[in-house]
Amino acid sequence: QVQLVESGGDLVQPGGSLRLSCAASGIIFSMNTVGWYRQAPGKEREWVATISSGGSTNYANPVRGRFTISRDNAKNTMYLQMNNLKPEDTAVYYCYVLFGGHNNRYWGQGTQVIVSS
């Protein structure tokens, strides 16, 4: 069965950095678009970033310029480098893999990021 396991979430101070990882098993996602969503308390899940199989990236406006999505196909792993973190970035972060012509998603279980003084 396909599994996506996020790691790297932590409590950090504003202005700090974290790198989230998402390791996939049961699927080779080199040809798939992958990305990240997040969900803050009391808010709907929102899209954060996407990277295509060809390396083309897109970012939600609140994170553009601060976050960088990347992928290592040899390791079947995607990453989200988060710099200059703000309290508004506090959320559970979920990775995903699109498949079936972008009609379906595999989801990770989430990793908690808390940005606070």
C-alpha atoms as a PDB file:
ATOM      1  CA  GLN A   1       0.000   0.000   0.000  1.00  0.00           C
ATOM      2  CA  VAL A   2       1.161   3.525  -0.706  1.00  0.00           C
ATOM      3  CA  GLN A   3       2.376   5.406   2.331  1.00  0.00           C
ATOM      4  CA  LEU A   4       3.547   8.983   2.694  1.00  0.00           C
ATOM      5  CA  VAL A   5       5.278   9.782   5.964  1.00  0.00           C
ATOM      6  CA  GLU A   6       6.047  13.364   6.908  1.00  0.00           C
ATOM      7  CA  SER A   7       8.735  14.342   9.353  1.00  0.00           C
ATOM      8  CA  GLY A   8      10.546  17.435  10.530  1.00  0.00           C
ATOM      9  CA  GLY A   9       7.758  19.314  12.233  1.00  0.00           C
ATOM     10  CA  ASP A  10       8.762  21.110  15.394  1.00  0.00           C
ATOM     11  CA  LEU A  11       8.290  24.114  17.624  1.00  0.00           C
ATOM     12  CA  VAL A  12      10.346  27.029  16.329  1.00  0.00           C
ATOM     13  CA  GLN A  13      10.639  30.728  17.026  1.00  0.00           C
ATOM     14  CA  PRO A  14       9.486  33.338  14.541  1.00  0.00           C
ATOM     15  CA  GLY A  15      12.182  33.879  11.965  1.00  0.00           C
ATOM     16  CA  GLY A  16      13.442  30.355  12.313  1.00  0.00           C
ATOM     17  CA  SER A  17      13.658  27.614   9.725  1.00  0.00           C
ATOM     18  CA  LEU A  18      12.527  24.043   9.344  1.00  0.00           C
ATOM     19  CA  ARG A  19      12.809  21.433   6.645  1.00  0.00           C
ATOM     20  CA  LEU A  20       9.928  19.036   6.292  1.00  0.00           C
ATOM     21  CA  SER A  21      10.400  15.704   4.594  1.00  0.00           C
ATOM     22  CA  CYS A  22       7.887  13.356   3.057  1.00  0.00           C
ATOM     23  CA  ALA A  23       9.072   9.857   2.288  1.00  0.00           C
ATOM     24  CA  ALA A  24       6.963   7.742  -0.016  1.00  0.00           C
ATOM     25  CA  SER A  25       6.784   3.985  -0.161  1.00  0.00           C
ATOM     26  CA  GLY A  26       4.740   1.695  -2.336  1.00  0.00           C
ATOM     27  CA  ILE A  27       4.991   4.130  -5.214  1.00  0.00           C
ATOM     28  CA  ILE A  28       7.689   5.568  -7.418  1.00  0.00           C
ATOM     29  CA  PHE A  29       6.591   9.149  -7.855  1.00  0.00           C
ATOM     30  CA  SER A  30       9.216  10.427 -10.262  1.00  0.00           C
ATOM     31  CA  MET A  31       6.528  11.018 -12.879  1.00  0.00           C
ATOM     32  CA  ASN A  32       3.991  12.535 -10.503  1.00  0.00           C
ATOM     33  CA  THR A  33       3.226  16.026  -9.361  1.00  0.00           C
ATOM     34  CA  VAL A  34       3.705  16.260  -5.591  1.00  0.00           C
ATOM     35  CA  GLY A  35       3.214  18.938  -3.016  1.00  0.00           C
ATOM     36  CA  TRP A  36       2.113  20.181   0.360  1.00  0.00           C
ATOM     37  CA  TYR A  37      -1.030  21.400   2.060  1.00  0.00           C
ATOM     38  CA  ARG A  38      -1.415  22.725   5.569  1.00  0.00           C
ATOM     39  CA  GLN A  39      -4.244  23.148   8.023  1.00  0.00           C
ATOM     40  CA  ALA A  40      -4.196  25.656  10.848  1.00  0.00           C
ATOM     41  CA  PRO A  41      -6.521  25.374  13.846  1.00  0.00           C
ATOM     42  CA  GLY A  42      -9.994  26.538  12.955  1.00  0.00           C
ATOM     43  CA  LYS A  43      -9.178  26.923   9.273  1.00  0.00           C
ATOM     44  CA  GLU A  44      -9.691  24.865   6.174  1.00  0.00           C
ATOM     45  CA  ARG A  45      -6.857  22.944   4.657  1.00  0.00           C
ATOM     46  CA  GLU A  46      -4.993  25.165   2.217  1.00  0.00           C
ATOM     47  CA  TRP A  47      -2.605  24.396  -0.558  1.00  0.00           C
ATOM     48  CA  VAL A  48       0.987  25.470   0.074  1.00  0.00           C
ATOM     49  CA  ALA A  49       3.247  24.374  -2.755  1.00  0.00           C
ATOM     50  CA  THR A  50       3.545  22.020  -5.690  1.00  0.00           C
ATOM     51  CA  ILE A  51       6.363  20.656  -7.789  1.00  0.00           C
ATOM     52  CA  SER A  52       5.804  18.858 -11.052  1.00  0.00           C
ATOM     53  CA  SER A  53       7.669  15.865 -12.384  1.00  0.00           C
ATOM     54  CA  GLY A  54       9.707  18.275 -14.481  1.00  0.00           C
ATOM     55  CA  GLY A  55      10.635  20.435 -11.504  1.00  0.00           C
ATOM     56  CA  SER A  56       8.254  23.311 -12.099  1.00  0.00           C
ATOM     57  CA  THR A  57       7.174  24.843  -8.792  1.00  0.00           C
ATOM     58  CA  ASN A  58       4.219  26.880  -7.625  1.00  0.00           C
ATOM     59  CA  TYR A  59       3.563  28.480  -4.258  1.00  0.00           C
ATOM     60  CA  ALA A  60       0.690  29.955  -2.364  1.00  0.00           C
ATOM     61  CA  ASN A  61       1.102  33.682  -1.885  1.00  0.00           C
ATOM     62  CA  PRO A  62       1.600  33.575   1.904  1.00  0.00           C
ATOM     63  CA  VAL A  63       4.683  31.385   1.565  1.00  0.00           C
ATOM     64  CA  ARG A  64       6.176  32.600  -1.689  1.00  0.00           C
ATOM     65  CA  GLY A  65       9.736  33.757  -1.194  1.00  0.00           C
ATOM     66  CA  ARG A  66      10.055  31.983   2.140  1.00  0.00           C
ATOM     67  CA  PHE A  67       9.333  28.327   1.366  1.00  0.00           C
ATOM     68  CA  THR A  68      11.007  26.103  -1.191  1.00  0.00           C
ATOM     69  CA  ILE A  69       9.623  22.797  -2.369  1.00  0.00           C
ATOM     70  CA  SER A  70      11.962  20.209  -3.805  1.00  0.00           C
ATOM     71  CA  ARG A  71      12.105  16.540  -4.586  1.00  0.00           C
ATOM     72  CA  ASP A  72      14.649  13.764  -4.724  1.00  0.00           C
ATOM     73  CA  ASN A  73      13.241  11.151  -7.027  1.00  0.00           C
ATOM     74  CA  ALA A  74      16.042   8.711  -6.297  1.00  0.00           C
ATOM     75  CA  LYS A  75      14.958   8.726  -2.659  1.00  0.00           C
ATOM     76  CA  ASN A  76      11.234   8.954  -3.371  1.00  0.00           C
ATOM     77  CA  THR A  77      11.169  11.925  -1.050  1.00  0.00           C
ATOM     78  CA  MET A  78       9.881  15.476  -1.221  1.00  0.00           C
ATOM     79  CA  TYR A  79      10.865  18.381   0.957  1.00  0.00           C
ATOM     80  CA  LEU A  80       9.573  21.709   2.104  1.00  0.00           C
ATOM     81  CA  GLN A  81      12.252  24.118   3.242  1.00  0.00           C
ATOM     82  CA  MET A  82      10.613  26.789   5.371  1.00  0.00           C
ATOM     83  CA  ASN A  83      12.545  29.941   6.155  1.00  0.00           C
ATOM     84  CA  ASN A  84      11.623  33.094   8.031  1.00  0.00           C
ATOM     85  CA  LEU A  85       8.759  31.312   9.701  1.00  0.00           C
ATOM     86  CA  LYS A  86       5.864  33.320  11.025  1.00  0.00           C
ATOM     87  CA  PRO A  87       3.238  32.485  13.641  1.00  0.00           C
ATOM     88  CA  GLU A  88       0.723  32.331  10.800  1.00  0.00           C
ATOM     89  CA  ASP A  89       2.608  29.314   9.458  1.00  0.00           C
ATOM     90  CA  THR A  90       1.540  27.283  12.471  1.00  0.00           C
ATOM     91  CA  ALA A  91      -0.340  24.294  11.094  1.00  0.00           C
ATOM     92  CA  VAL A  92      -0.274  20.613  10.436  1.00  0.00           C
ATOM     93  CA  TYR A  93       1.495  20.103   7.133  1.00  0.00           C
ATOM     94  CA  TYR A  94       0.425  17.319   4.795  1.00  0.00           C
ATOM     95  CA  CYS A  95       2.262  16.062   1.764  1.00  0.00           C
ATOM     96  CA  TYR A  96       0.528  14.606  -1.250  1.00  0.00           C
ATOM     97  CA  VAL A  97       1.167  12.813  -4.505  1.00  0.00           C
ATOM     98  CA  LEU A  98      -1.135  13.297  -7.461  1.00  0.00           C
ATOM     99  CA  PHE A  99      -1.924  10.293  -9.592  1.00  0.00           C
ATOM    100  CA  GLY A 100      -4.450   9.032 -12.079  1.00  0.00           C
ATOM    101  CA  GLY A 101      -4.142  12.072 -14.305  1.00  0.00           C
ATOM    102  CA  HIS A 102      -4.431  14.377 -11.267  1.00  0.00           C
ATOM    103  CA  ASN A 103      -7.790  12.887 -10.444  1.00  0.00           C
ATOM    104  CA  ASN A 104      -6.602  11.401  -7.153  1.00  0.00           C
ATOM    105  CA  ARG A 105      -4.255  12.114  -4.263  1.00  0.00           C
ATOM    106  CA  TYR A 106      -2.270  10.083  -1.844  1.00  0.00           C
ATOM    107  CA  TRP A 107      -1.947  11.880   1.497  1.00  0.00           C
ATOM    108  CA  GLY A 108       0.484  11.784   4.340  1.00  0.00           C
ATOM    109  CA  GLN A 109      -0.667  11.831   7.941  1.00  0.00           C
ATOM    110  CA  GLY A 110       0.720  15.259   8.703  1.00  0.00           C
ATOM    111  CA  THR A 111       3.454  16.815  10.778  1.00  0.00           C
ATOM    112  CA  GLN A 112       2.914  19.638  13.240  1.00  0.00           C
ATOM    113  CA  VAL A 113       4.693  22.956  12.852  1.00  0.00           C
ATOM    114  CA  ILE A 114       4.335  25.499  15.640  1.00  0.00           C
ATOM    115  CA  VAL A 115       5.879  28.935  15.271  1.00  0.00           C
ATOM    116  CA  SER A 116       5.831  30.768  18.558  1.00  0.00           C
ATOM    117  CA  SER A 117       7.969  32.804  20.893  1.00  0.00           C
END
